[in-house]
């Protein structure tokens, strides 16, 4: 059902890179995390942690854990708004909650960003939304 999951998180100067890496691993345990240094608008140092998870067994584990860990009604209600025209589902998780192994979905702010590519043919929004809704309703 999921082709791949791309993730990204920003580590600011007042944050610990090991903590944010662990938060990512608490959501995507098999993630191979790459780090890249960047500079913020105020010339502050930022580290961007990113990567892709594409093995089917890992994406399936992620989806099953997601269904067990979040409010399914809210997940379903937000689905249309968080899915783009190409079947990419955008989710944000609270970094500090993820460090404590809690999955809290956010709408904005400092978060772990996921871009979940739903396997839909043709790759259209409504087909992807329907696939996710069907999986959520079966949970």
Protein backbone atom coordinates (compact mmCIF):
# COMPACT_ATOMS: atom_id res chain seq x y z
CA UNK A 1 0.00 0.00 0.00
CA UNK A 2 2.96 2.34 0.60
CA UNK A 3 5.73 2.77 -1.99
CA UNK A 4 8.06 4.67 0.32
CA UNK A 5 8.30 7.06 3.25
CA UNK A 6 10.57 10.07 3.02
CA UNK A 7 11.37 11.77 6.30
CA UNK A 8 12.99 15.02 7.37
CA UNK A 9 13.59 16.80 10.66
CA UNK A 10 15.47 19.94 11.55
CA UNK A 11 17.83 19.96 14.52
CA UNK A 12 18.32 23.45 15.91
CA UNK A 13 21.25 24.63 18.01
CA UNK A 14 19.31 24.20 21.25
CA UNK A 15 18.45 20.56 20.41
CA UNK A 16 20.45 17.36 20.71
CA UNK A 17 21.02 15.56 17.38
CA UNK A 18 21.04 12.16 19.13
CA UNK A 19 17.61 12.87 20.67
CA UNK A 20 16.08 13.89 17.34
CA UNK A 21 17.67 10.88 15.62
CA UNK A 22 16.16 8.62 18.29
CA UNK A 23 12.77 10.29 17.84
CA UNK A 24 12.92 9.46 14.12
CA UNK A 25 13.94 5.88 14.90
CA UNK A 26 11.01 5.55 17.32
CA UNK A 27 8.70 6.19 14.34
CA UNK A 28 10.79 4.51 11.63
CA UNK A 29 13.06 1.98 13.39
CA UNK A 30 14.75 0.84 10.16
CA UNK A 31 15.52 4.37 8.94
CA UNK A 32 19.01 5.14 7.71
CA UNK A 33 19.45 8.76 8.70
CA UNK A 34 21.59 11.18 6.71
CA UNK A 35 22.69 14.51 8.21
CA UNK A 36 23.31 17.72 6.32
CA UNK A 37 24.39 21.05 7.76
CA UNK A 38 22.51 24.19 6.82
CA UNK A 39 22.24 27.78 7.97
CA UNK A 40 19.05 29.41 9.21
CA UNK A 41 17.82 32.89 8.30
CA UNK A 42 19.59 34.34 11.32
CA UNK A 43 22.80 32.46 10.45
CA UNK A 44 22.15 29.88 13.15
CA UNK A 45 23.40 26.36 12.50
CA UNK A 46 20.75 23.79 11.57
CA UNK A 47 21.25 20.11 10.88
CA UNK A 48 18.76 18.48 8.52
CA UNK A 49 18.17 14.78 9.19
CA UNK A 50 16.56 12.94 6.29
CA UNK A 51 16.19 9.67 4.45
CA UNK A 52 13.85 7.23 2.76
CA UNK A 53 12.32 3.95 3.93
CA UNK A 54 11.11 1.85 1.01
CA UNK A 55 11.19 -1.83 1.97
CA UNK A 56 7.64 -3.15 2.01
CA UNK A 57 7.92 -4.88 5.38
CA UNK A 58 9.12 -1.65 6.99
CA UNK A 59 6.44 0.55 5.40
CA UNK A 60 3.80 -2.00 6.41
CA UNK A 61 5.07 -2.03 10.01
CA UNK A 62 4.96 1.78 10.03
CA UNK A 63 1.36 1.84 8.79
CA UNK A 64 0.17 -0.82 11.24
CA UNK A 65 1.83 1.00 14.15
CA UNK A 66 0.31 4.29 12.96
CA UNK A 67 -3.17 2.74 13.07
CA UNK A 68 -2.54 1.50 16.63
CA UNK A 69 -1.03 4.76 17.85
CA UNK A 70 -3.19 7.67 16.69
CA UNK A 71 -6.81 8.84 16.70
CA UNK A 72 -8.20 7.11 13.60
CA UNK A 73 -11.17 9.47 13.33
CA UNK A 74 -8.88 12.51 13.17
CA UNK A 75 -6.56 10.69 10.77
CA UNK A 76 -9.52 9.99 8.49
CA UNK A 77 -10.91 13.55 8.79
CA UNK A 78 -7.54 15.10 7.85
CA UNK A 79 -6.83 12.72 4.98
CA UNK A 80 -8.14 14.86 2.09
CA UNK A 81 -6.26 17.92 3.34
CA UNK A 82 -2.96 16.08 3.85
CA UNK A 83 -2.90 14.20 0.54
CA UNK A 84 -1.61 15.89 -2.62
CA UNK A 85 -2.76 15.28 -6.20
CA UNK A 86 -0.04 12.66 -6.77
CA UNK A 87 -0.94 10.47 -3.80
CA UNK A 88 1.67 11.79 -1.36
CA UNK A 89 0.36 11.81 2.20
CA UNK A 90 2.02 14.42 4.40
CA UNK A 91 2.25 13.74 8.12
CA UNK A 92 4.03 15.62 10.90
CA UNK A 93 4.90 14.10 14.26
CA UNK A 94 5.82 15.98 17.43
CA UNK A 95 9.57 15.49 17.98
CA UNK A 96 9.52 15.49 21.79
CA UNK A 97 6.58 13.05 21.93
CA UNK A 98 8.31 10.80 19.39
CA UNK A 99 11.37 10.73 21.65
CA UNK A 100 9.03 9.39 24.37
CA UNK A 101 7.68 6.81 21.86
CA UNK A 102 4.32 8.61 21.50
CA UNK A 103 2.94 9.35 18.05
CA UNK A 104 1.31 12.79 18.09
CA UNK A 105 0.29 14.16 14.69
CA UNK A 106 0.68 17.92 14.29
CA UNK A 107 -0.67 20.35 11.71
CA UNK A 108 2.20 22.82 11.98
CA UNK A 109 5.32 23.70 13.85
CA UNK A 110 8.62 22.01 14.58
CA UNK A 111 8.12 18.35 13.76
CA UNK A 112 9.34 15.21 12.06
CA UNK A 113 7.98 15.52 8.53
CA UNK A 114 6.92 12.43 6.61
CA UNK A 115 5.98 12.20 2.95
CA UNK A 116 4.24 8.86 2.53
CA UNK A 117 3.85 7.79 -1.12
CA UNK A 118 0.67 5.74 -1.39
CA UNK A 119 0.74 2.96 -4.00
CA UNK A 120 -2.22 3.94 -6.17
CA UNK A 121 -2.74 3.38 -9.89
CA UNK A 122 -3.19 5.73 -11.47
CA UNK A 123 -1.39 7.95 -8.94
CA UNK A 124 -4.28 10.27 -8.17
CA UNK A 125 -5.42 11.88 -4.96
CA UNK A 126 -8.87 10.29 -4.73
CA UNK A 127 -7.59 6.78 -5.42
CA UNK A 128 -4.90 7.19 -2.73
CA UNK A 129 -7.39 8.66 -0.24
CA UNK A 130 -9.79 5.77 -0.86
CA UNK A 131 -6.99 3.18 -0.32
CA UNK A 132 -5.97 4.73 3.00
CA UNK A 133 -9.60 5.12 4.13
CA UNK A 134 -10.27 1.47 3.32
CA UNK A 135 -7.21 0.40 5.37
CA UNK A 136 -8.18 2.69 8.27
CA UNK A 137 -11.77 1.43 8.34
CA UNK A 138 -10.48 -2.15 8.43
CA UNK A 139 -8.31 -1.40 11.49
